[in-house]
């Protein structure tokens, strides 16, 4: 009985953690090469899209994996020079806000844009 209860609890926690980002969209203003730009970040099953809100221009498409409080991003295609450098960011969700904090990323293009940013639910 204890094993079944522990298994059920573990599955519930894992599902809750996975559901935190999957199928969510957030927006913020990022400082890009052309100045401050309102952007959206769209978390899908295992990919994340970053694009401009004004005209939906794709900025970056990446894969992501996550643990309890961090996510790792790897570029698939887009405007940065991040091939195939992974970046690791801590994240917290509080109400309708997503905060990203740089943990480790060797790609300047990515970390200079999204390190220590706060996003609102979109």
PDB file of N, CA and C in Angstrom:
ATOM      1  N   UNK A   1       0.815  -1.196   0.000  1.00  0.00           N
ATOM      2  CA  UNK A   1       0.000   0.000   0.000  1.00  0.00           C
ATOM      3  C   UNK A   1       0.860   1.261   0.000  1.00  0.00           C
ATOM      4  N   UNK A   2       1.945   1.247   0.792  1.00  0.00           N
ATOM      5  CA  UNK A   2       2.827   2.405   0.852  1.00  0.00           C
ATOM      6  C   UNK A   2       3.489   2.657  -0.498  1.00  0.00           C
ATOM      7  N   UNK A   3       3.854   1.555  -1.204  1.00  0.00           N
ATOM      8  CA  UNK A   3       4.491   1.711  -2.514  1.00  0.00           C
ATOM      9  C   UNK A   3       3.528   2.331  -3.518  1.00  0.00           C
ATOM     10  N   UNK A   4       2.277   1.926  -3.479  1.00  0.00           N
ATOM     11  CA  UNK A   4       1.281   2.474  -4.397  1.00  0.00           C
ATOM     12  C   UNK A   4       1.060   3.955  -4.111  1.00  0.00           C
ATOM     13  N   UNK A   5       0.953   4.308  -2.837  1.00  0.00           N
ATOM     14  CA  UNK A   5       0.757   5.699  -2.451  1.00  0.00           C
ATOM     15  C   UNK A   5       1.965   6.545  -2.857  1.00  0.00           C
ATOM     16  N   UNK A   6       3.170   6.034  -2.628  1.00  0.00           N
ATOM     17  CA  UNK A   6       4.378   6.755  -3.003  1.00  0.00           C
ATOM     18  C   UNK A   6       4.459   6.923  -4.517  1.00  0.00           C
ATOM     19  N   UNK A   7       4.116   5.890  -5.271  1.00  0.00           N
ATOM     20  CA  UNK A   7       4.124   5.968  -6.737  1.00  0.00           C
ATOM     21  C   UNK A   7       3.127   7.005  -7.234  1.00  0.00           C
ATOM     22  N   UNK A   8       1.942   7.015  -6.662  1.00  0.00           N
ATOM     23  CA  UNK A   8       0.916   7.973  -7.059  1.00  0.00           C
ATOM     24  C   UNK A   8       1.350   9.406  -6.744  1.00  0.00           C
ATOM     25  N   UNK A   9       1.938   9.615  -5.586  1.00  0.00           N
ATOM     26  CA  UNK A   9       2.413  10.935  -5.196  1.00  0.00           C
ATOM     27  C   UNK A   9       3.529  11.403  -6.121  1.00  0.00           C
ATOM     28  N   UNK A  10       4.469  10.518  -6.448  1.00  0.00           N
ATOM     29  CA  UNK A  10       5.562  10.847  -7.351  1.00  0.00           C
ATOM     30  C   UNK A  10       5.021  11.227  -8.726  1.00  0.00           C
ATOM     31  N   UNK A  11       4.075  10.452  -9.239  1.00  0.00           N
ATOM     32  CA  UNK A  11       3.480  10.746 -10.546  1.00  0.00           C
ATOM     33  C   UNK A  11       2.776  12.097 -10.523  1.00  0.00           C
ATOM     34  N   UNK A  12       2.062  12.411  -9.450  1.00  0.00           N
ATOM     35  CA  UNK A  12       1.364  13.686  -9.328  1.00  0.00           C
ATOM     36  C   UNK A  12       2.356  14.854  -9.333  1.00  0.00           C
ATOM     37  N   UNK A  13       3.424  14.738  -8.556  1.00  0.00           N
ATOM     38  CA  UNK A  13       4.430  15.810  -8.488  1.00  0.00           C
ATOM     39  C   UNK A  13       5.085  16.002  -9.843  1.00  0.00           C
ATOM     40  N   UNK A  14       5.465  14.909 -10.519  1.00  0.00           N
ATOM     41  CA  UNK A  14       6.102  15.008 -11.827  1.00  0.00           C
ATOM     42  C   UNK A  14       5.162  15.658 -12.835  1.00  0.00           C
ATOM     43  N   UNK A  15       3.904  15.267 -12.837  1.00  0.00           N
ATOM     44  CA  UNK A  15       2.920  15.834 -13.754  1.00  0.00           C
ATOM     45  C   UNK A  15       2.736  17.320 -13.489  1.00  0.00           C
ATOM     46  N   UNK A  16       2.681  17.718 -12.232  1.00  0.00           N
ATOM     47  CA  UNK A  16       2.538  19.131 -11.882  1.00  0.00           C
ATOM     48  C   UNK A  16       3.736  19.932 -12.354  1.00  0.00           C
ATOM     49  N   UNK A  17       4.938  19.413 -12.156  1.00  0.00           N
ATOM     50  CA  UNK A  17       6.151  20.107 -12.586  1.00  0.00           C
ATOM     51  C   UNK A  17       6.164  20.250 -14.099  1.00  0.00           C
ATOM     52  N   UNK A  18       5.845  19.178 -14.813  1.00  0.00           N
ATOM     53  CA  UNK A  18       5.836  19.215 -16.272  1.00  0.00           C
ATOM     54  C   UNK A  18       4.792  20.194 -16.774  1.00  0.00           C
ATOM     55  N   UNK A  19       3.653  20.244 -16.147  1.00  0.00           N
ATOM     56  CA  UNK A  19       2.563  21.099 -16.593  1.00  0.00           C
ATOM     57  C   UNK A  19       2.816  22.577 -16.337  1.00  0.00           C
ATOM     58  N   UNK A  20       3.793  22.924 -15.518  1.00  0.00           N
ATOM     59  CA  UNK A  20       4.046  24.326 -15.197  1.00  0.00           C
ATOM     60  C   UNK A  20       4.334  25.161 -16.434  1.00  0.00           C
ATOM     61  N   UNK A  21       5.088  24.646 -17.395  1.00  0.00           N
ATOM     62  CA  UNK A  21       5.460  25.417 -18.570  1.00  0.00           C
ATOM     63  C   UNK A  21       4.770  24.954 -19.850  1.00  0.00           C
ATOM     64  N   UNK A  22       4.535  23.681 -19.983  1.00  0.00           N
ATOM     65  CA  UNK A  22       3.965  23.143 -21.223  1.00  0.00           C
ATOM     66  C   UNK A  22       2.633  23.827 -21.550  1.00  0.00           C
ATOM     67  N   UNK A  23       2.502  24.204 -22.822  1.00  0.00           N
ATOM     68  CA  UNK A  23       1.290  24.853 -23.334  1.00  0.00           C
ATOM     69  C   UNK A  23       0.996  26.185 -22.652  1.00  0.00           C
ATOM     70  N   UNK A  24       2.048  26.936 -22.323  1.00  0.00           N
ATOM     71  CA  UNK A  24       1.867  28.280 -21.775  1.00  0.00           C
ATOM     72  C   UNK A  24       2.589  29.288 -22.664  1.00  0.00           C
ATOM     73  N   UNK A  25       2.099  30.530 -22.658  1.00  0.00           N
ATOM     74  CA  UNK A  25       2.729  31.631 -23.385  1.00  0.00           C
ATOM     75  C   UNK A  25       2.906  32.800 -22.433  1.00  0.00           C
ATOM     76  N   UNK A  26       4.034  33.491 -22.576  1.00  0.00           N
ATOM     77  CA  UNK A  26       4.376  34.610 -21.720  1.00  0.00           C
ATOM     78  C   UNK A  26       4.919  35.733 -22.600  1.00  0.00           C
ATOM     79  N   UNK A  27       4.832  36.972 -22.121  1.00  0.00           N
ATOM     80  CA  UNK A  27       5.398  38.072 -22.900  1.00  0.00           C
ATOM     81  C   UNK A  27       6.169  39.029 -21.998  1.00  0.00           C
ATOM     82  N   UNK A  28       7.110  39.717 -22.635  1.00  0.00           N
ATOM     83  CA  UNK A  28       7.924  40.723 -21.960  1.00  0.00           C
ATOM     84  C   UNK A  28       8.561  41.610 -23.016  1.00  0.00           C
ATOM     85  N   UNK A  29       9.237  42.641 -22.594  1.00  0.00           N
ATOM     86  CA  UNK A  29      10.010  43.481 -23.501  1.00  0.00           C
ATOM     87  C   UNK A  29      11.474  43.086 -23.359  1.00  0.00           C
ATOM     88  N   UNK A  30      12.085  42.687 -24.479  1.00  0.00           N
ATOM     89  CA  UNK A  30      13.500  42.321 -24.478  1.00  0.00           C
ATOM     90  C   UNK A  30      14.294  43.384 -25.211  1.00  0.00           C
ATOM     91  N   UNK A  31      15.512  43.607 -24.757  1.00  0.00           N
ATOM     92  CA  UNK A  31      16.414  44.527 -25.435  1.00  0.00           C
ATOM     93  C   UNK A  31      17.122  43.746 -26.533  1.00  0.00           C
ATOM     94  N   UNK A  32      16.679  43.921 -27.783  1.00  0.00           N
ATOM     95  CA  UNK A  32      17.274  43.241 -28.923  1.00  0.00           C
ATOM     96  C   UNK A  32      18.121  44.223 -29.716  1.00  0.00           C
ATOM     97  N   UNK A  33      18.734  43.777 -30.795  1.00  0.00           N
ATOM     98  CA  UNK A  33      19.628  44.638 -31.570  1.00  0.00           C
ATOM     99  C   UNK A  33      18.918  45.868 -32.132  1.00  0.00           C
ATOM    100  N   UNK A  34      17.611  45.761 -32.371  1.00  0.00           N
ATOM    101  CA  UNK A  34      16.851  46.904 -32.888  1.00  0.00           C
ATOM    102  C   UNK A  34      16.136  47.685 -31.790  1.00  0.00           C
ATOM    103  N   UNK A  35      16.535  47.480 -30.523  1.00  0.00           N
ATOM    104  CA  UNK A  35      15.955  48.200 -29.402  1.00  0.00           C
ATOM    105  C   UNK A  35      14.968  47.355 -28.621  1.00  0.00           C
ATOM    106  N   UNK A  36      14.256  47.974 -27.667  1.00  0.00           N
ATOM    107  CA  UNK A  36      13.282  47.230 -26.867  1.00  0.00           C
ATOM    108  C   UNK A  36      12.169  46.662 -27.764  1.00  0.00           C
ATOM    109  N   UNK A  37      11.898  45.377 -27.606  1.00  0.00           N
ATOM    110  CA  UNK A  37      10.923  44.693 -28.451  1.00  0.00           C
ATOM    111  C   UNK A  37      10.023  43.835 -27.577  1.00  0.00           C
ATOM    112  N   UNK A  38       8.703  44.006 -27.708  1.00  0.00           N
ATOM    113  CA  UNK A  38       7.773  43.152 -26.978  1.00  0.00           C
ATOM    114  C   UNK A  38       7.785  41.775 -27.636  1.00  0.00           C
ATOM    115  N   UNK A  39       8.124  40.774 -26.847  1.00  0.00           N
ATOM    116  CA  UNK A  39       8.273  39.426 -27.361  1.00  0.00           C
ATOM    117  C   UNK A  39       7.415  38.463 -26.558  1.00  0.00           C
ATOM    118  N   UNK A  40       7.153  37.323 -27.171  1.00  0.00           N
ATOM    119  CA  UNK A  40       6.419  36.250 -26.510  1.00  0.00           C
ATOM    120  C   UNK A  40       7.289  35.011 -26.505  1.00  0.00           C
ATOM    121  N   UNK A  41       7.131  34.202 -25.470  1.00  0.00           N
ATOM    122  CA  UNK A  41       7.786  32.903 -25.392  1.00  0.00           C
ATOM    123  C   UNK A  41       6.665  31.875 -25.229  1.00  0.00           C
ATOM    124  N   UNK A  42       6.658  30.884 -26.113  1.00  0.00           N
ATOM    125  CA  UNK A  42       5.566  29.919 -26.221  1.00  0.00           C
ATOM    126  C   UNK A  42       6.139  28.519 -25.976  1.00  0.00           C
ATOM    127  N   UNK A  43       5.812  27.936 -24.821  1.00  0.00           N
ATOM    128  CA  UNK A  43       6.290  26.605 -24.470  1.00  0.00           C
ATOM    129  C   UNK A  43       5.339  25.555 -25.033  1.00  0.00           C
ATOM    130  N   UNK A  44       5.872  24.683 -25.859  1.00  0.00           N
ATOM    131  CA  UNK A  44       5.104  23.571 -26.415  1.00  0.00           C
ATOM    132  C   UNK A  44       5.525  22.295 -25.688  1.00  0.00           C
ATOM    133  N   UNK A  45       5.277  21.134 -26.286  1.00  0.00           N
ATOM    134  CA  UNK A  45       5.604  19.861 -25.633  1.00  0.00           C
ATOM    135  C   UNK A  45       7.088  19.768 -25.285  1.00  0.00           C
ATOM    136  N   UNK A  46       7.960  19.967 -26.255  1.00  0.00           N
ATOM    137  CA  UNK A  46       9.401  19.899 -25.999  1.00  0.00           C
ATOM    138  C   UNK A  46      10.166  20.988 -26.739  1.00  0.00           C
ATOM    139  N   UNK A  47       9.439  21.933 -27.316  1.00  0.00           N
ATOM    140  CA  UNK A  47      10.067  23.068 -27.976  1.00  0.00           C
ATOM    141  C   UNK A  47       9.525  24.360 -27.390  1.00  0.00           C
ATOM    142  N   UNK A  48      10.291  25.407 -27.591  1.00  0.00           N
ATOM    143  CA  UNK A  48       9.876  26.738 -27.154  1.00  0.00           C
ATOM    144  C   UNK A  48      10.146  27.699 -28.305  1.00  0.00           C
ATOM    145  N   UNK A  49       9.175  28.570 -28.566  1.00  0.00           N
ATOM    146  CA  UNK A  49       9.282  29.557 -29.632  1.00  0.00           C
ATOM    147  C   UNK A  49       9.374  30.934 -29.002  1.00  0.00           C
ATOM    148  N   UNK A  50      10.274  31.758 -29.527  1.00  0.00           N
ATOM    149  CA  UNK A  50      10.377  33.148 -29.098  1.00  0.00           C
ATOM    150  C   UNK A  50      10.137  33.990 -30.346  1.00  0.00           C
ATOM    151  N   UNK A  51       9.159  34.910 -30.263  1.00  0.00           N
ATOM    152  CA  UNK A  51       8.807  35.706 -31.434  1.00  0.00           C
ATOM    153  C   UNK A  51       8.320  37.080 -30.995  1.00  0.00           C
ATOM    154  N   UNK A  52       8.274  38.006 -31.954  1.00  0.00           N
ATOM    155  CA  UNK A  52       7.796  39.350 -31.649  1.00  0.00           C
ATOM    156  C   UNK A  52       6.275  39.335 -31.566  1.00  0.00           C
ATOM    157  N   UNK A  53       5.726  40.126 -30.661  1.00  0.00           N
ATOM    158  CA  UNK A  53       4.278  40.206 -30.504  1.00  0.00           C
ATOM    159  C   UNK A  53       3.666  41.017 -31.649  1.00  0.00           C
ATOM    160  N   UNK A  54       4.352  42.066 -32.086  1.00  0.00           N
ATOM    161  CA  UNK A  54       3.797  42.974 -33.090  1.00  0.00           C
ATOM    162  C   UNK A  54       3.458  42.278 -34.404  1.00  0.00           C
ATOM    163  N   UNK A  55       4.373  41.451 -34.916  1.00  0.00           N
ATOM    164  CA  UNK A  55       4.134  40.845 -36.235  1.00  0.00           C
ATOM    165  C   UNK A  55       4.466  39.350 -36.285  1.00  0.00           C
ATOM    166  N   UNK A  56       4.658  38.732 -35.132  1.00  0.00           N
ATOM    167  CA  UNK A  56       4.942  37.286 -35.017  1.00  0.00           C
ATOM    168  C   UNK A  56       6.212  36.843 -35.736  1.00  0.00           C
ATOM    169  N   UNK A  57       7.172  37.743 -35.896  1.00  0.00           N
ATOM    170  CA  UNK A  57       8.450  37.367 -36.494  1.00  0.00           C
ATOM    171  C   UNK A  57       9.167  36.416 -35.551  1.00  0.00           C
ATOM    172  N   UNK A  58       9.565  35.253 -36.074  1.00  0.00           N
ATOM    173  CA  UNK A  58      10.257  34.261 -35.264  1.00  0.00           C
ATOM    174  C   UNK A  58      11.662  34.755 -34.941  1.00  0.00           C
ATOM    175  N   UNK A  59      11.987  34.770 -33.663  1.00  0.00           N
ATOM    176  CA  UNK A  59      13.320  35.149 -33.219  1.00  0.00           C
ATOM    177  C   UNK A  59      14.162  33.897 -33.010  1.00  0.00           C
ATOM    178  N   UNK A  60      13.575  32.898 -32.358  1.00  0.00           N
ATOM    179  CA  UNK A  60      14.329  31.685 -32.045  1.00  0.00           C
ATOM    180  C   UNK A  60      13.372  30.517 -31.802  1.00  0.00           C
ATOM    181  N   UNK A  61      13.779  29.343 -32.231  1.00  0.00           N
ATOM    182  CA  UNK A  61      13.074  28.097 -31.917  1.00  0.00           C
ATOM    183  C   UNK A  61      14.089  27.196 -31.251  1.00  0.00           C
ATOM    184  N   UNK A  62      13.731  26.675 -30.068  1.00  0.00           N
ATOM    185  CA  UNK A  62      14.653  25.877 -29.276  1.00  0.00           C
ATOM    186  C   UNK A  62      13.952  24.657 -28.708  1.00  0.00           C
ATOM    187  N   UNK A  63      14.733  23.644 -28.375  1.00  0.00           N
ATOM    188  CA  UNK A  63      14.205  22.556 -27.566  1.00  0.00           C
ATOM    189  C   UNK A  63      14.431  22.944 -26.117  1.00  0.00           C
ATOM    190  N   UNK A  64      13.634  22.363 -25.234  1.00  0.00           N
ATOM    191  CA  UNK A  64      13.879  22.591 -23.817  1.00  0.00           C
ATOM    192  C   UNK A  64      13.636  21.313 -23.043  1.00  0.00           C
ATOM    193  N   UNK A  65      14.409  21.174 -21.987  1.00  0.00           N
ATOM    194  CA  UNK A  65      14.200  20.135 -20.989  1.00  0.00           C
ATOM    195  C   UNK A  65      14.188  20.847 -19.655  1.00  0.00           C
ATOM    196  N   UNK A  66      13.513  20.264 -18.688  1.00  0.00           N
ATOM    197  CA  UNK A  66      13.434  20.956 -17.411  1.00  0.00           C
ATOM    198  C   UNK A  66      13.475  20.001 -16.243  1.00  0.00           C
ATOM    199  N   UNK A  67      13.917  20.550 -15.145  1.00  0.00           N
ATOM    200  CA  UNK A  67      13.860  19.862 -13.861  1.00  0.00           C
ATOM    201  C   UNK A  67      12.900  20.658 -12.994  1.00  0.00           C
ATOM    202  N   UNK A  68      12.944  20.460 -11.708  1.00  0.00           N
ATOM    203  CA  UNK A  68      12.013  21.148 -10.806  1.00  0.00           C
ATOM    204  C   UNK A  68      12.031  22.668 -10.971  1.00  0.00           C
ATOM    205  N   UNK A  69      13.218  23.260 -11.006  1.00  0.00           N
ATOM    206  CA  UNK A  69      13.303  24.714 -11.002  1.00  0.00           C
ATOM    207  C   UNK A  69      14.254  25.267 -12.057  1.00  0.00           C
ATOM    208  N   UNK A  70      14.660  24.440 -13.016  1.00  0.00           N
ATOM    209  CA  UNK A  70      15.541  24.940 -14.067  1.00  0.00           C
ATOM    210  C   UNK A  70      15.144  24.355 -15.411  1.00  0.00           C
ATOM    211  N   UNK A  71      15.550  25.063 -16.467  1.00  0.00           N
ATOM    212  CA  UNK A  71      15.319  24.551 -17.804  1.00  0.00           C
ATOM    213  C   UNK A  71      16.568  24.763 -18.634  1.00  0.00           C
ATOM    214  N   UNK A  72      16.777  23.852 -19.582  1.00  0.00           N
ATOM    215  CA  UNK A  72      17.913  23.924 -20.484  1.00  0.00           C
ATOM    216  C   UNK A  72      17.378  24.151 -21.890  1.00  0.00           C
ATOM    217  N   UNK A  73      17.929  25.162 -22.560  1.00  0.00           N
ATOM    218  CA  UNK A  73      17.508  25.550 -23.899  1.00  0.00           C
ATOM    219  C   UNK A  73      18.605  25.225 -24.898  1.00  0.00           C
ATOM    220  N   UNK A  74      18.229  24.664 -26.053  1.00  0.00           N
ATOM    221  CA  UNK A  74      19.179  24.399 -27.137  1.00  0.00           C
ATOM    222  C   UNK A  74      18.541  24.882 -28.436  1.00  0.00           C
ATOM    223  N   UNK A  75      19.254  25.744 -29.158  1.00  0.00           N
ATOM    224  CA  UNK A  75      18.738  26.338 -30.391  1.00  0.00           C
ATOM    225  C   UNK A  75      18.517  25.285 -31.469  1.00  0.00           C
ATOM    226  N   UNK A  76      17.368  25.391 -32.146  1.00  0.00           N
ATOM    227  CA  UNK A  76      17.092  24.615 -33.354  1.00  0.00           C
ATOM    228  C   UNK A  76      17.377  25.512 -34.554  1.00  0.00           C
ATOM    229  N   UNK A  77      16.752  26.689 -34.567  1.00  0.00           N
ATOM    230  CA  UNK A  77      17.021  27.682 -35.606  1.00  0.00           C
ATOM    231  C   UNK A  77      16.604  29.051 -35.095  1.00  0.00           C
ATOM    232  N   UNK A  78      17.065  30.073 -35.790  1.00  0.00           N
ATOM    233  CA  UNK A  78      16.722  31.425 -35.379  1.00  0.00           C
ATOM    234  C   UNK A  78      17.841  32.405 -35.609  1.00  0.00           C
ATOM    235  N   UNK A  79      17.750  33.556 -34.971  1.00  0.00           N
ATOM    236  CA  UNK A  79      18.626  34.682 -35.248  1.00  0.00           C
ATOM    237  C   UNK A  79      19.918  34.697 -34.439  1.00  0.00           C
ATOM    238  N   UNK A  80      20.012  33.944 -33.369  1.00  0.00           N
ATOM    239  CA  UNK A  80      21.216  33.999 -32.523  1.00  0.00           C
ATOM    240  C   UNK A  80      22.312  33.106 -33.086  1.00  0.00           C
ATOM    241  N   UNK A  81      23.499  33.279 -32.546  1.00  0.00           N
ATOM    242  CA  UNK A  81      24.625  32.433 -32.919  1.00  0.00           C
ATOM    243  C   UNK A  81      24.869  31.360 -31.872  1.00  0.00           C
ATOM    244  N   UNK A  82      23.813  30.741 -31.381  1.00  0.00           N
ATOM    245  CA  UNK A  82      23.915  29.815 -30.252  1.00  0.00           C
ATOM    246  C   UNK A  82      24.072  28.341 -30.642  1.00  0.00           C
ATOM    247  N   UNK A  83      24.357  28.042 -31.885  1.00  0.00           N
ATOM    248  CA  UNK A  83      24.457  26.642 -32.323  1.00  0.00           C
ATOM    249  C   UNK A  83      25.602  25.931 -31.638  1.00  0.00           C
ATOM    250  N   UNK A  84      25.451  24.725 -31.170  1.00  0.00           N
ATOM    251  CA  UNK A  84      24.332  24.117 -30.465  1.00  0.00           C
ATOM    252  C   UNK A  84      24.519  24.245 -28.963  1.00  0.00           C
ATOM    253  N   UNK A  85      25.002  25.384 -28.545  1.00  0.00           N
ATOM    254  CA  UNK A  85      25.325  25.646 -27.151  1.00  0.00           C
ATOM    255  C   UNK A  85      24.086  25.625 -26.255  1.00  0.00           C
ATOM    256  N   UNK A  86      24.047  24.745 -25.244  1.00  0.00           N
ATOM    257  CA  UNK A  86      22.909  24.760 -24.321  1.00  0.00           C
ATOM    258  C   UNK A  86      23.032  25.904 -23.316  1.00  0.00           C
ATOM    259  N   UNK A  87      21.899  26.418 -22.893  1.00  0.00           N
ATOM    260  CA  UNK A  87      21.854  27.428 -21.840  1.00  0.00           C
ATOM    261  C   UNK A  87      20.947  26.943 -20.735  1.00  0.00           C
ATOM    262  N   UNK A  88      21.366  27.160 -19.497  1.00  0.00           N
ATOM    263  CA  UNK A  88      20.573  26.697 -18.360  1.00  0.00           C
ATOM    264  C   UNK A  88      20.094  27.904 -17.551  1.00  0.00           C
ATOM    265  N   UNK A  89      18.775  27.906 -17.266  1.00  0.00           N
ATOM    266  CA  UNK A  89      18.138  29.009 -16.569  1.00  0.00           C
ATOM    267  C   UNK A  89      17.267  28.480 -15.441  1.00  0.00           C
ATOM    268  N   UNK A  90      17.292  29.155 -14.320  1.00  0.00           N
ATOM    269  CA  UNK A  90      16.360  28.863 -13.246  1.00  0.00           C
ATOM    270  C   UNK A  90      15.054  29.549 -13.576  1.00  0.00           C
ATOM    271  N   UNK A  91      13.952  28.959 -13.137  1.00  0.00           N
ATOM    272  CA  UNK A  91      12.671  29.617 -13.355  1.00  0.00           C
ATOM    273  C   UNK A  91      11.791  29.466 -12.127  1.00  0.00           C
ATOM    274  N   UNK A  92      10.954  30.477 -11.937  1.00  0.00           N
ATOM    275  CA  UNK A  92       9.919  30.424 -10.909  1.00  0.00           C
ATOM    276  C   UNK A  92       8.648  30.983 -11.520  1.00  0.00           C
ATOM    277  N   UNK A  93       7.536  30.409 -11.112  1.00  0.00           N
ATOM    278  CA  UNK A  93       6.235  30.906 -11.530  1.00  0.00           C
ATOM    279  C   UNK A  93       5.498  31.339 -10.276  1.00  0.00           C
ATOM    280  N   UNK A  94       5.063  32.592 -10.292  1.00  0.00           N
ATOM    281  CA  UNK A  94       4.327  33.144  -9.164  1.00  0.00           C
ATOM    282  C   UNK A  94       3.106  33.853  -9.726  1.00  0.00           C
ATOM    283  N   UNK A  95       1.950  33.227  -9.558  1.00  0.00           N
ATOM    284  CA  UNK A  95       0.738  33.798 -10.135  1.00  0.00           C
ATOM    285  C   UNK A  95       0.845  33.836 -11.640  1.00  0.00           C
ATOM    286  N   UNK A  96       0.725  35.032 -12.211  1.00  0.00           N
ATOM    287  CA  UNK A  96       0.787  35.207 -13.663  1.00  0.00           C
ATOM    288  C   UNK A  96       2.155  35.690 -14.123  1.00  0.00           C
ATOM    289  N   UNK A  97       3.202  35.424 -13.328  1.00  0.00           N
ATOM    290  CA  UNK A  97       4.548  35.872 -13.679  1.00  0.00           C
ATOM    291  C   UNK A  97       5.523  34.704 -13.734  1.00  0.00           C
ATOM    292  N   UNK A  98       6.356  34.724 -14.757  1.00  0.00           N
ATOM    293  CA  UNK A  98       7.431  33.759 -14.935  1.00  0.00           C
ATOM    294  C   UNK A  98       8.746  34.526 -14.860  1.00  0.00           C
ATOM    295  N   UNK A  99       9.610  34.136 -13.957  1.00  0.00           N
ATOM    296  CA  UNK A  99      10.918  34.773 -13.836  1.00  0.00           C
ATOM    297  C   UNK A  99      11.985  33.794 -14.307  1.00  0.00           C
ATOM    298  N   UNK A 100      12.873  34.258 -15.188  1.00  0.00           N
ATOM    299  CA  UNK A 100      14.006  33.466 -15.656  1.00  0.00           C
ATOM    300  C   UNK A 100      15.281  34.065 -15.094  1.00  0.00           C
ATOM    301  N   UNK A 101      16.141  33.207 -14.582  1.00  0.00           N
ATOM    302  CA  UNK A 101      17.407  33.658 -14.011  1.00  0.00           C
ATOM    303  C   UNK A 101      18.527  32.838 -14.630  1.00  0.00           C
ATOM    304  N   UNK A 102      19.541  33.519 -15.134  1.00  0.00           N
ATOM    305  CA  UNK A 102      20.687  32.855 -15.745  1.00  0.00           C
ATOM    306  C   UNK A 102      21.402  31.979 -14.730  1.00  0.00           C
ATOM    307  N   UNK A 103      21.588  30.707 -15.072  1.00  0.00           N
ATOM    308  CA  UNK A 103      22.412  29.804 -14.261  1.00  0.00           C
ATOM    309  C   UNK A 103      23.748  29.566 -14.948  1.00  0.00           C
ATOM    310  N   UNK A 104      23.696  29.223 -16.246  1.00  0.00           N
ATOM    311  CA  UNK A 104      24.932  29.003 -17.009  1.00  0.00           C
ATOM    312  C   UNK A 104      24.594  28.985 -18.487  1.00  0.00           C
ATOM    313  N   UNK A 105      25.220  29.852 -19.264  1.00  0.00           N
ATOM    314  CA  UNK A 105      24.995  29.894 -20.701  1.00  0.00           C
ATOM    315  C   UNK A 105      26.212  30.541 -21.348  1.00  0.00           C
ATOM    316  N   UNK A 106      26.832  29.831 -22.280  1.00  0.00           N
ATOM    317  CA  UNK A 106      27.999  30.366 -22.979  1.00  0.00           C
ATOM    318  C   UNK A 106      27.619  31.149 -24.234  1.00  0.00           C
ATOM    319  N   UNK A 107      26.337  31.220 -24.548  1.00  0.00           N
ATOM    320  CA  UNK A 107      25.891  31.951 -25.736  1.00  0.00           C
ATOM    321  C   UNK A 107      25.467  33.367 -25.352  1.00  0.00           C
ATOM    322  N   UNK A 108      26.297  34.328 -25.689  1.00  0.00           N
ATOM    323  CA  UNK A 108      26.039  35.721 -25.358  1.00  0.00           C
ATOM    324  C   UNK A 108      24.717  36.219 -25.946  1.00  0.00           C
ATOM    325  N   UNK A 109      24.426  35.865 -27.208  1.00  0.00           N
ATOM    326  CA  UNK A 109      23.196  36.339 -27.851  1.00  0.00           C
ATOM    327  C   UNK A 109      21.957  35.995 -27.028  1.00  0.00           C
ATOM    328  N   UNK A 110      21.921  34.792 -26.483  1.00  0.00           N
ATOM    329  CA  UNK A 110      20.744  34.350 -25.727  1.00  0.00           C
ATOM    330  C   UNK A 110      20.740  34.951 -24.324  1.00  0.00           C
ATOM    331  N   UNK A 111      21.862  34.786 -23.593  1.00  0.00           N
ATOM    332  CA  UNK A 111      21.820  35.239 -22.195  1.00  0.00           C
ATOM    333  C   UNK A 111      21.746  36.746 -22.063  1.00  0.00           C
ATOM    334  N   UNK A 112      22.297  37.490 -23.023  1.00  0.00           N
ATOM    335  CA  UNK A 112      22.208  38.952 -22.918  1.00  0.00           C
ATOM    336  C   UNK A 112      20.766  39.424 -23.114  1.00  0.00           C
ATOM    337  N   UNK A 113      19.962  38.627 -23.814  1.00  0.00           N
ATOM    338  CA  UNK A 113      18.565  39.005 -24.057  1.00  0.00           C
ATOM    339  C   UNK A 113      17.631  38.538 -22.939  1.00  0.00           C
ATOM    340  N   UNK A 114      17.829  37.304 -22.425  1.00  0.00           N
ATOM    341  CA  UNK A 114      16.806  36.765 -21.510  1.00  0.00           C
ATOM    342  C   UNK A 114      17.255  36.562 -20.071  1.00  0.00           C
ATOM    343  N   UNK A 115      18.519  36.836 -19.759  1.00  0.00           N
ATOM    344  CA  UNK A 115      18.933  36.635 -18.368  1.00  0.00           C
ATOM    345  C   UNK A 115      18.164  37.566 -17.442  1.00  0.00           C
ATOM    346  N   UNK A 116      17.737  37.009 -16.334  1.00  0.00           N
ATOM    347  CA  UNK A 116      17.074  37.777 -15.278  1.00  0.00           C
ATOM    348  C   UNK A 116      15.882  38.601 -15.790  1.00  0.00           C
ATOM    349  N   UNK A 117      15.028  37.959 -16.573  1.00  0.00           N
ATOM    350  CA  UNK A 117      13.835  38.627 -17.093  1.00  0.00           C
ATOM    351  C   UNK A 117      12.590  38.135 -16.384  1.00  0.00           C
ATOM    352  N   UNK A 118      11.563  38.964 -16.420  1.00  0.00           N
ATOM    353  CA  UNK A 118      10.268  38.598 -15.857  1.00  0.00           C
ATOM    354  C   UNK A 118       9.231  38.694 -16.970  1.00  0.00           C
ATOM    355  N   UNK A 119       8.440  37.653 -17.110  1.00  0.00           N
ATOM    356  CA  UNK A 119       7.430  37.526 -18.158  1.00  0.00           C
ATOM    357  C   UNK A 119       6.046  37.482 -17.520  1.00  0.00           C
ATOM    358  N   UNK A 120       5.044  37.996 -18.230  1.00  0.00           N
ATOM    359  CA  UNK A 120       3.674  37.906 -17.729  1.00  0.00           C
ATOM    360  C   UNK A 120       2.881  36.959 -18.633  1.00  0.00           C
ATOM    361  N   UNK A 121       1.898  36.299 -18.044  1.00  0.00           N
ATOM    362  CA  UNK A 121       1.068  35.335 -18.783  1.00  0.00           C
ATOM    363  C   UNK A 121       0.414  36.049 -19.958  1.00  0.00           C
ATOM    364  N   UNK A 122       0.415  35.401 -21.111  1.00  0.00           N
ATOM    365  CA  UNK A 122      -0.067  36.003 -22.364  1.00  0.00           C
ATOM    366  C   UNK A 122      -1.223  35.210 -22.903  1.00  0.00           C
TER     367      UNK A 122
END
